[in-house]
Amino acid sequence: MISERCAACKNQRRKCPSDCIFSPCFPANDPQKFACVHKIYGGSNVGKMLQGIPTYLREQAANALYLEAKWRIHDPVYGCVGIISSLYEQIQNAEIELAKIQTQITFYKLQTQRVEAEPNSEVLQAQSSNMEQFEWDNPTIASWFN
């Protein structure tokens, strides 16, 4: 019975031995996976890396190499670090927005409590009930949340 060559052996145009180190990590049905890894790291270097890793971790290592290579091809300057930085920035922006909304909620709760405690107070009518004082265009205030 003739076994099908793995993606690495097909790419390298060689016979796939029965104990091929690439076979479990780079199946024949996904040639793009090895092509990306080969383009960035080189086939020989990938083989050396996989040989230095315990057998049960090789597939995870190959997947990590593939993802890093894929993003390095997509973004040659930053690679996967560019994506991580972008996600970190999105998290920071979401945290700032959350802090703004929590401040507004607290303001409205306090305003409601004050109205319930002093229903006939003329002081409340003189106060501004808008949120202009909570605008975040002021650089000093905005820097508190950065």
Protein backbone atom coordinates (compact mmCIF):
# COMPACT_ATOMS: atom_id res chain seq x y z
CA MET A 1 0.00 0.00 0.00
CA ILE A 2 1.41 3.37 -1.02
CA SER A 3 1.01 6.08 1.58
CA GLU A 4 0.38 9.66 0.54
CA ARG A 5 3.22 12.09 1.04
CA CYS A 6 2.84 14.82 3.63
CA ALA A 7 2.70 18.48 2.58
CA ALA A 8 6.35 19.02 3.55
CA CYS A 9 7.63 16.12 1.46
CA LYS A 10 5.45 17.19 -1.47
CA ASN A 11 6.84 20.71 -1.18
CA GLN A 12 10.40 19.42 -1.01
CA ARG A 13 9.70 16.93 -3.83
CA ARG A 14 11.01 13.96 -1.93
CA LYS A 15 9.78 10.57 -0.81
CA CYS A 16 7.94 10.66 2.51
CA PRO A 17 9.49 8.11 4.89
CA SER A 18 7.27 6.22 7.32
CA ASP A 19 8.86 8.02 10.27
CA CYS A 20 8.66 11.50 8.68
CA ILE A 21 8.77 14.18 11.37
CA PHE A 22 6.60 16.49 9.26
CA SER A 23 3.83 13.99 8.51
CA PRO A 24 1.76 14.42 11.71
CA CYS A 25 2.11 18.21 11.66
CA PHE A 26 1.69 19.01 7.97
CA PRO A 27 -0.90 16.69 6.39
CA ALA A 28 -1.14 16.34 2.64
CA ASN A 29 -4.56 18.00 2.54
CA ASP A 30 -3.18 21.34 3.83
CA PRO A 31 -0.16 22.25 1.69
CA GLN A 32 -0.52 25.98 2.41
CA LYS A 33 0.36 25.39 6.07
CA PHE A 34 3.82 24.06 5.26
CA ALA A 35 4.32 26.56 2.44
CA CYS A 36 3.92 29.49 4.86
CA VAL A 37 6.22 27.94 7.45
CA HIS A 38 8.80 27.05 4.80
CA LYS A 39 8.74 30.56 3.33
CA ILE A 40 9.55 32.19 6.68
CA TYR A 41 11.65 29.62 8.55
CA GLY A 42 12.91 27.20 5.92
CA GLY A 43 12.19 23.47 5.85
CA SER A 44 15.46 22.39 7.44
CA ASN A 45 15.09 24.81 10.34
CA VAL A 46 11.51 23.68 10.97
CA GLY A 47 12.68 20.06 11.00
CA LYS A 48 15.39 20.90 13.54
CA MET A 49 12.90 22.79 15.73
CA LEU A 50 10.42 19.91 15.66
CA GLN A 51 13.12 17.35 16.50
CA GLY A 52 14.02 19.35 19.61
CA ILE A 53 10.45 19.22 20.90
CA PRO A 54 8.76 16.23 22.58
CA THR A 55 6.54 14.28 20.19
CA TYR A 56 3.31 15.18 21.97
CA LEU A 57 4.00 18.94 21.57
CA ARG A 58 5.07 18.92 17.92
CA GLU A 59 1.65 19.55 16.43
CA GLN A 60 1.08 22.54 18.72
CA ALA A 61 4.52 23.90 17.83
CA ALA A 62 3.82 23.46 14.12
CA ASN A 63 0.50 25.30 14.50
CA ALA A 64 2.23 28.15 16.36
CA LEU A 65 4.92 28.35 13.68
CA TYR A 66 2.23 28.39 11.00
CA LEU A 67 0.28 31.23 12.63
CA GLU A 68 3.40 33.30 13.19
CA ALA A 69 4.55 32.70 9.62
CA LYS A 70 1.10 33.48 8.22
CA TRP A 71 0.96 36.83 10.00
CA ARG A 72 4.60 37.62 9.14
CA ILE A 73 3.70 37.14 5.47
CA HIS A 74 0.56 39.27 5.93
CA ASP A 75 2.46 42.03 7.80
CA PRO A 76 6.21 41.75 7.19
CA VAL A 77 7.13 44.51 9.65
CA TYR A 78 5.09 43.66 12.75
CA GLY A 79 3.74 40.18 12.10
CA CYS A 80 1.59 38.81 14.93
CA VAL A 81 2.88 41.56 17.28
CA GLY A 82 0.97 44.10 15.19
CA ILE A 83 -2.26 42.21 15.81
CA ILE A 84 -1.54 41.87 19.52
CA SER A 85 -0.83 45.61 19.76
CA SER A 86 -4.03 46.42 17.89
CA LEU A 87 -6.08 44.20 20.19
CA TYR A 88 -4.41 45.73 23.26
CA GLU A 89 -5.32 49.21 22.00
CA GLN A 90 -8.93 48.11 21.47
CA ILE A 91 -9.04 46.79 25.05
CA GLN A 92 -7.68 50.08 26.39
CA ASN A 93 -10.27 52.06 24.41
CA ALA A 94 -13.05 49.81 25.67
CA GLU A 95 -11.85 50.26 29.28
CA ILE A 96 -11.84 54.05 28.85
CA GLU A 97 -15.34 53.96 27.38
CA LEU A 98 -16.50 51.73 30.25
CA ALA A 99 -15.07 54.16 32.80
CA LYS A 100 -16.90 57.05 31.10
CA ILE A 101 -20.20 55.18 31.14
CA GLN A 102 -19.75 54.12 34.78
CA THR A 103 -19.12 57.78 35.69
CA GLN A 104 -22.28 58.83 33.88
CA ILE A 105 -24.31 56.12 35.61
CA THR A 106 -23.00 57.23 39.00
CA PHE A 107 -23.83 60.86 38.17
CA TYR A 108 -27.41 59.96 37.23
CA LYS A 109 -27.85 57.75 40.31
CA LEU A 110 -26.65 60.52 42.59
CA GLN A 111 -28.87 63.01 40.82
CA THR A 112 -31.88 60.70 41.23
CA GLN A 113 -31.12 60.14 44.93
CA ARG A 114 -30.83 63.88 45.49
CA VAL A 115 -34.18 64.49 43.77
CA GLU A 116 -35.85 61.80 45.91
CA ALA A 117 -34.31 63.18 49.13
CA GLU A 118 -35.20 66.82 48.40
CA PRO A 119 -38.23 66.85 46.11
CA ASN A 120 -39.09 70.51 46.72
CA SER A 121 -35.58 71.90 46.69
CA GLU A 122 -35.01 74.94 44.53
CA VAL A 123 -31.27 74.25 44.57
CA LEU A 124 -31.64 71.38 42.13
CA GLN A 125 -33.38 73.53 39.58
CA ALA A 126 -30.49 76.00 39.63
CA GLN A 127 -27.95 73.23 39.03
CA SER A 128 -27.11 72.09 35.56
CA SER A 129 -28.49 68.64 34.91
CA ASN A 130 -26.57 68.04 31.74
CA MET A 131 -23.38 66.08 31.32
CA GLU A 132 -21.23 68.90 29.94
CA GLN A 133 -19.02 68.74 33.01
CA PHE A 134 -18.24 65.13 32.13
CA GLU A 135 -17.03 65.75 28.57
CA TRP A 136 -13.79 63.96 27.90
CA ASP A 137 -12.29 66.45 25.48
CA ASN A 138 -10.27 67.92 28.35
CA PRO A 139 -6.77 66.36 28.00
CA THR A 140 -6.19 66.33 31.74
CA ILE A 141 -9.33 64.31 32.43
CA ALA A 142 -8.76 62.02 29.46
CA SER A 143 -5.22 61.27 30.66
CA TRP A 144 -6.59 59.86 33.93
CA PHE A 145 -7.96 56.89 31.99
CA ASN A 146 -4.87 56.21 29.88
